[in-house]
Amino acid sequence: MSIFQLFAVAIDHQSRKFRKVLPHVLAAVSDFDVALFQTTSPIRQVLVSTQAGITGLDDIMTIRFRLFRCCLLQHWSFFMGSKKMNQMANPMGFQFFQSSMNEILNTFHQAIAEDSGNGSGEGVSLVRVQYNLATLRELHRVHKLFTSCPSEVRVNCLTVCLNMIASTSMEMLRDDIVILIHTMASFSFRDFFSIFVPQYVANAFPGNTISTFQKQKLCAQFAQEADAISFAANAFNFSNYLQTLKDKLKGGQGC
């Protein structure tokens, strides 16, 4: 863990000289990622077999997410490139970005799974979820993350965020999640309302799980309103109706 702390402190610095050590840092971090992020990793399996190991893994993951935030905030063009400066992303840096984003989304997924009883038992604290939500908002505020990242990253993040606002365990973070959803949707509100939301509903309720009318009613909860206040209210309506439909199906009542 002390190595991660050293990396996080060192990289939280704007000086260009740190770019010289970034590839070496990332090479070491890549080894940690394989050991910590992959659920089939023997090291991770040993850690999660005891409560002490789970606590230790949680501490390491907290530092790992801080490292991601510091790296991207201070050295954005190294990881993501810069059209303005005609600079390509460093391949190792972009791989670090992808690995970090995947683990953030996995953290969100795991928090939802714990709520439904399908989690791994490791547990995900609301503090960690909130920290990562804040990281994504900050990266977009400073560097326009969701404008710069590949479209599949934005779509995957939107999907898991809509899943989260319909999860009872995420009620305390609903406002934070909706702000992030609005931020991502602002890339193209037209595409969000007319393409993404219907596709999300179709995936959530495949085939004839619910009626066409109910799917249309669920999509209509967003009401095509893009201002932040109306969007938030509509997002809550969407999540409430989504949860109602899921609860009816779970209870075998049909829709």
Protein backbone atom coordinates (compact mmCIF):
# COMPACT_ATOMS: atom_id res chain seq x y z
CA MET A 1 0.00 0.00 0.00
CA SER A 2 2.89 2.39 0.75
CA ILE A 3 3.96 2.16 -2.91
CA PHE A 4 0.52 3.33 -4.04
CA GLN A 5 0.64 6.18 -1.53
CA LEU A 6 4.04 7.26 -2.85
CA PHE A 7 2.74 7.19 -6.44
CA ALA A 8 -0.32 9.21 -5.52
CA VAL A 9 1.71 11.88 -3.73
CA ALA A 10 4.33 12.08 -6.47
CA ILE A 11 1.89 12.31 -9.37
CA ASP A 12 -0.27 14.93 -7.68
CA HIS A 13 2.12 17.51 -9.05
CA GLN A 14 1.89 19.60 -12.21
CA SER A 15 5.60 19.70 -13.04
CA ARG A 16 6.55 18.28 -16.44
CA LYS A 17 9.42 16.33 -14.91
CA PHE A 18 6.95 13.82 -13.53
CA ARG A 19 6.06 12.84 -17.10
CA LYS A 20 9.45 11.19 -17.29
CA VAL A 21 8.62 8.79 -14.49
CA LEU A 22 4.98 8.17 -15.47
CA PRO A 23 5.72 5.19 -17.76
CA HIS A 24 7.70 3.50 -14.98
CA VAL A 25 4.94 4.19 -12.47
CA LEU A 26 2.26 2.86 -14.79
CA ALA A 27 4.23 -0.30 -15.55
CA ALA A 28 4.28 -1.06 -11.82
CA VAL A 29 0.61 -0.12 -11.38
CA SER A 30 -0.33 -2.43 -14.26
CA ASP A 31 1.03 -5.38 -12.28
CA PHE A 32 -1.04 -4.32 -9.27
CA ASP A 33 -4.14 -4.02 -11.46
CA VAL A 34 -3.80 -7.60 -12.68
CA ALA A 35 -3.45 -8.81 -9.09
CA LEU A 36 -6.24 -6.66 -7.61
CA PHE A 37 -8.86 -6.01 -10.27
CA GLN A 38 -9.25 -9.44 -11.86
CA THR A 39 -11.68 -11.49 -9.77
CA THR A 40 -9.90 -14.72 -10.81
CA SER A 41 -6.56 -13.46 -9.50
CA PRO A 42 -5.15 -15.84 -6.83
CA ILE A 43 -3.92 -12.85 -4.82
CA ARG A 44 -7.37 -11.24 -4.79
CA GLN A 45 -9.04 -14.53 -3.89
CA VAL A 46 -6.73 -14.93 -0.90
CA LEU A 47 -7.39 -11.35 0.22
CA VAL A 48 -11.18 -11.66 0.07
CA SER A 49 -11.16 -14.93 1.99
CA THR A 50 -10.74 -13.12 5.32
CA GLN A 51 -12.21 -9.96 6.82
CA ALA A 52 -8.72 -8.55 7.41
CA GLY A 53 -7.88 -9.17 3.76
CA ILE A 54 -11.07 -7.46 2.59
CA THR A 55 -10.24 -4.43 4.77
CA GLY A 56 -6.72 -4.28 3.37
CA LEU A 57 -7.98 -4.58 -0.20
CA ASP A 58 -10.47 -1.77 0.46
CA ASP A 59 -7.64 0.51 1.65
CA ILE A 60 -5.54 -0.29 -1.42
CA MET A 61 -8.46 0.32 -3.78
CA THR A 62 -9.12 3.70 -2.17
CA ILE A 63 -5.55 4.77 -2.88
CA ARG A 64 -5.72 3.30 -6.40
CA PHE A 65 -8.75 5.45 -7.22
CA ARG A 66 -7.03 8.52 -5.80
CA LEU A 67 -4.07 7.76 -8.05
CA PHE A 68 -6.39 7.71 -11.07
CA ARG A 69 -7.92 11.04 -10.11
CA CYS A 70 -4.54 12.72 -9.57
CA CYS A 71 -3.04 11.33 -12.76
CA LEU A 72 -5.87 12.44 -15.01
CA LEU A 73 -6.35 15.87 -13.42
CA GLN A 74 -2.67 16.80 -13.54
CA HIS A 75 -1.49 15.01 -16.70
CA TRP A 76 -4.58 14.72 -18.90
CA SER A 77 -2.88 14.95 -22.29
CA PHE A 78 -0.45 12.14 -21.40
CA PHE A 79 -3.35 9.77 -20.77
CA MET A 80 -5.96 11.04 -23.23
CA GLY A 81 -4.05 13.10 -25.78
CA SER A 82 -4.84 16.66 -26.85
CA LYS A 83 -6.31 17.78 -30.16
CA LYS A 84 -5.40 21.37 -29.33
CA MET A 85 -1.72 20.48 -28.95
CA ASN A 86 -1.87 17.79 -31.66
CA GLN A 87 -0.69 15.25 -29.08
CA MET A 88 -1.55 11.56 -29.11
CA ALA A 89 -2.33 9.69 -25.90
CA ASN A 90 0.50 7.56 -24.53
CA PRO A 91 -0.58 3.91 -25.15
CA MET A 92 0.32 2.86 -21.62
CA GLY A 93 -1.41 5.93 -20.24
CA PHE A 94 -4.62 5.24 -22.16
CA GLN A 95 -4.54 1.63 -21.00
CA PHE A 96 -4.35 2.93 -17.43
CA PHE A 97 -7.37 5.14 -18.12
CA GLN A 98 -9.38 2.21 -19.50
CA SER A 99 -8.43 -0.09 -16.64
CA SER A 100 -9.35 2.56 -14.09
CA MET A 101 -12.69 3.37 -15.72
CA ASN A 102 -13.57 -0.32 -15.92
CA GLU A 103 -12.88 -0.73 -12.22
CA ILE A 104 -14.92 2.35 -11.34
CA LEU A 105 -17.87 0.92 -13.27
CA ASN A 106 -17.28 -2.48 -11.65
CA THR A 107 -17.44 -0.75 -8.27
CA PHE A 108 -20.80 0.78 -9.21
CA HIS A 109 -22.06 -2.59 -10.48
CA GLN A 110 -20.91 -4.32 -7.31
CA ALA A 111 -22.69 -1.77 -5.11
CA ILE A 112 -25.94 -2.52 -6.97
CA ALA A 113 -25.33 -6.29 -6.82
CA GLU A 114 -24.86 -6.13 -3.05
CA ASP A 115 -28.25 -4.46 -2.79
CA SER A 116 -29.92 -7.25 -4.76
CA GLY A 117 -28.10 -10.00 -2.88
CA ASN A 118 -25.96 -11.00 -5.86
CA GLY A 119 -22.71 -9.41 -4.71
CA SER A 120 -19.39 -11.07 -3.97
CA GLY A 121 -19.59 -10.29 -0.26
CA GLU A 122 -16.63 -7.92 -0.36
CA GLY A 123 -18.90 -4.92 0.10
CA VAL A 124 -18.63 -1.47 -1.50
CA SER A 125 -18.94 1.56 0.75
CA LEU A 126 -21.08 4.51 -0.27
CA VAL A 127 -18.06 6.67 0.44
CA ARG A 128 -16.10 4.95 -2.34
CA VAL A 129 -19.02 5.22 -4.76
CA GLN A 130 -19.45 8.91 -3.92
CA TYR A 131 -15.72 9.57 -4.34
CA ASN A 132 -15.71 8.02 -7.80
CA LEU A 133 -18.84 9.91 -8.82
CA ALA A 134 -17.10 13.13 -7.76
CA THR A 135 -13.97 12.11 -9.68
CA LEU A 136 -15.91 11.65 -12.92
CA ARG A 137 -17.71 14.98 -12.48
CA GLU A 138 -14.42 16.75 -11.74
CA LEU A 139 -12.66 15.21 -14.74
CA HIS A 140 -15.47 16.37 -16.97
CA ARG A 141 -15.51 19.86 -15.45
CA VAL A 142 -11.77 20.31 -15.91
CA HIS A 143 -11.05 18.24 -19.04
CA LYS A 144 -14.44 17.46 -20.64
CA LEU A 145 -14.07 13.74 -19.93
CA PHE A 146 -17.30 12.61 -21.58
CA THR A 147 -16.61 14.65 -24.69
CA SER A 148 -13.09 13.25 -25.04
CA CYS A 149 -13.58 9.60 -24.10
CA PRO A 150 -14.69 6.83 -26.49
CA SER A 151 -18.47 6.70 -26.91
CA GLU A 152 -18.69 3.20 -25.40
CA VAL A 153 -17.26 4.54 -22.13
CA ARG A 154 -19.98 7.18 -21.98
CA VAL A 155 -22.72 4.65 -22.85
CA ASN A 156 -21.48 2.13 -20.26
CA CYS A 157 -21.31 4.83 -17.60
CA LEU A 158 -24.81 6.09 -18.43
CA THR A 159 -26.16 2.55 -18.23
CA VAL A 160 -24.75 1.77 -14.81
CA CYS A 161 -25.77 5.20 -13.47
CA LEU A 162 -29.39 4.62 -14.52
CA ASN A 163 -29.18 1.23 -12.83
CA MET A 164 -27.91 2.91 -9.67
CA ILE A 165 -30.69 5.48 -9.32
CA ALA A 166 -33.18 2.58 -9.38
CA SER A 167 -31.31 0.80 -6.57
CA THR A 168 -32.63 1.31 -3.04
CA SER A 169 -29.08 1.19 -1.62
CA MET A 170 -28.15 4.26 -3.69
CA GLU A 171 -30.94 6.53 -2.41
CA MET A 172 -28.50 8.70 -0.42
CA LEU A 173 -26.44 9.31 -3.56
CA ARG A 174 -29.30 9.81 -6.02
CA ASP A 175 -28.69 13.54 -6.39
CA ASP A 176 -24.99 12.98 -7.13
CA ILE A 177 -25.79 10.25 -9.65
CA VAL A 178 -28.42 12.31 -11.47
CA ILE A 179 -26.01 15.23 -11.79
CA LEU A 180 -23.54 12.90 -13.48
CA ILE A 181 -26.25 11.48 -15.77
CA HIS A 182 -27.23 15.02 -16.80
CA THR A 183 -23.58 15.83 -17.47
CA MET A 184 -23.18 12.82 -19.77
CA ALA A 185 -26.55 13.35 -21.47
CA SER A 186 -25.56 16.93 -22.30
CA PHE A 187 -23.14 15.54 -24.90
CA SER A 188 -26.31 15.16 -27.02
CA PHE A 189 -29.66 15.42 -25.28
CA ARG A 190 -31.42 14.51 -28.51
CA ASP A 191 -29.52 11.21 -28.75
CA PHE A 192 -30.01 10.57 -25.05
CA PHE A 193 -33.79 10.93 -25.20
CA SER A 194 -34.44 9.38 -28.62
CA ILE A 195 -31.78 6.65 -28.80
CA PHE A 196 -30.17 5.82 -25.46
CA VAL A 197 -33.24 5.76 -23.18
CA PRO A 198 -35.37 3.54 -25.48
CA GLN A 199 -32.42 1.17 -25.93
CA TYR A 200 -31.84 1.07 -22.17
CA VAL A 201 -35.51 0.23 -21.57
CA ALA A 202 -35.44 -2.46 -24.27
CA ASN A 203 -32.41 -4.08 -22.62
CA ALA A 204 -33.92 -3.79 -19.14
CA PHE A 205 -37.16 -5.43 -20.26
CA PRO A 206 -36.38 -7.67 -23.25
CA GLY A 207 -39.06 -9.15 -25.48
CA ASN A 208 -42.56 -9.12 -24.04
CA THR A 209 -41.47 -8.81 -20.41
CA ILE A 210 -43.63 -5.71 -20.19
CA SER A 211 -46.07 -4.23 -22.70
CA THR A 212 -45.09 -1.79 -25.44
CA PHE A 213 -47.28 0.81 -23.76
CA GLN A 214 -45.38 0.43 -20.48
CA LYS A 215 -42.05 0.74 -22.27
CA GLN A 216 -43.24 3.93 -23.94
CA LYS A 217 -44.58 5.25 -20.63
CA LEU A 218 -41.23 4.54 -18.97
CA CYS A 219 -39.31 6.36 -21.72
CA ALA A 220 -41.73 9.29 -21.51
CA GLN A 221 -40.83 9.92 -17.85
CA PHE A 222 -37.84 11.99 -19.01
CA ALA A 223 -40.23 14.27 -20.95
CA GLN A 224 -37.48 15.56 -23.28
CA GLU A 225 -36.58 18.35 -20.80
CA ALA A 226 -32.88 19.23 -20.68
CA ASP A 227 -32.64 21.87 -17.94
CA ALA A 228 -30.99 20.49 -14.81
CA ILE A 229 -33.95 20.88 -12.43
CA SER A 230 -36.56 19.33 -14.74
CA PHE A 231 -34.12 16.62 -15.82
CA ALA A 232 -33.48 15.62 -12.19
CA ALA A 233 -37.20 15.45 -11.37
CA ASN A 234 -37.86 13.39 -14.49
CA ALA A 235 -34.92 11.08 -13.74
CA PHE A 236 -36.43 10.33 -10.31
CA ASN A 237 -39.82 9.64 -11.94
CA PHE A 238 -38.09 7.32 -14.40
CA SER A 239 -36.26 5.41 -11.66
CA ASN A 240 -39.38 5.09 -9.50
CA TYR A 241 -41.48 3.69 -12.35
CA LEU A 242 -38.60 1.45 -13.43
CA GLN A 243 -38.38 0.02 -9.91
CA THR A 244 -42.15 -0.43 -9.75
CA LEU A 245 -42.14 -2.48 -12.95
CA LYS A 246 -39.21 -4.59 -11.75
CA ASP A 247 -40.85 -5.21 -8.37
CA LYS A 248 -44.06 -6.39 -10.08
CA LEU A 249 -42.10 -8.80 -12.26
CA LYS A 250 -40.10 -10.03 -9.29
CA GLY A 251 -43.27 -10.63 -7.34
CA GLY A 252 -44.72 -12.63 -10.22
CA GLN A 253 -47.60 -10.19 -10.62
CA GLY A 254 -46.90 -9.52 -14.28
CA CYS A 255 -47.36 -6.15 -15.86
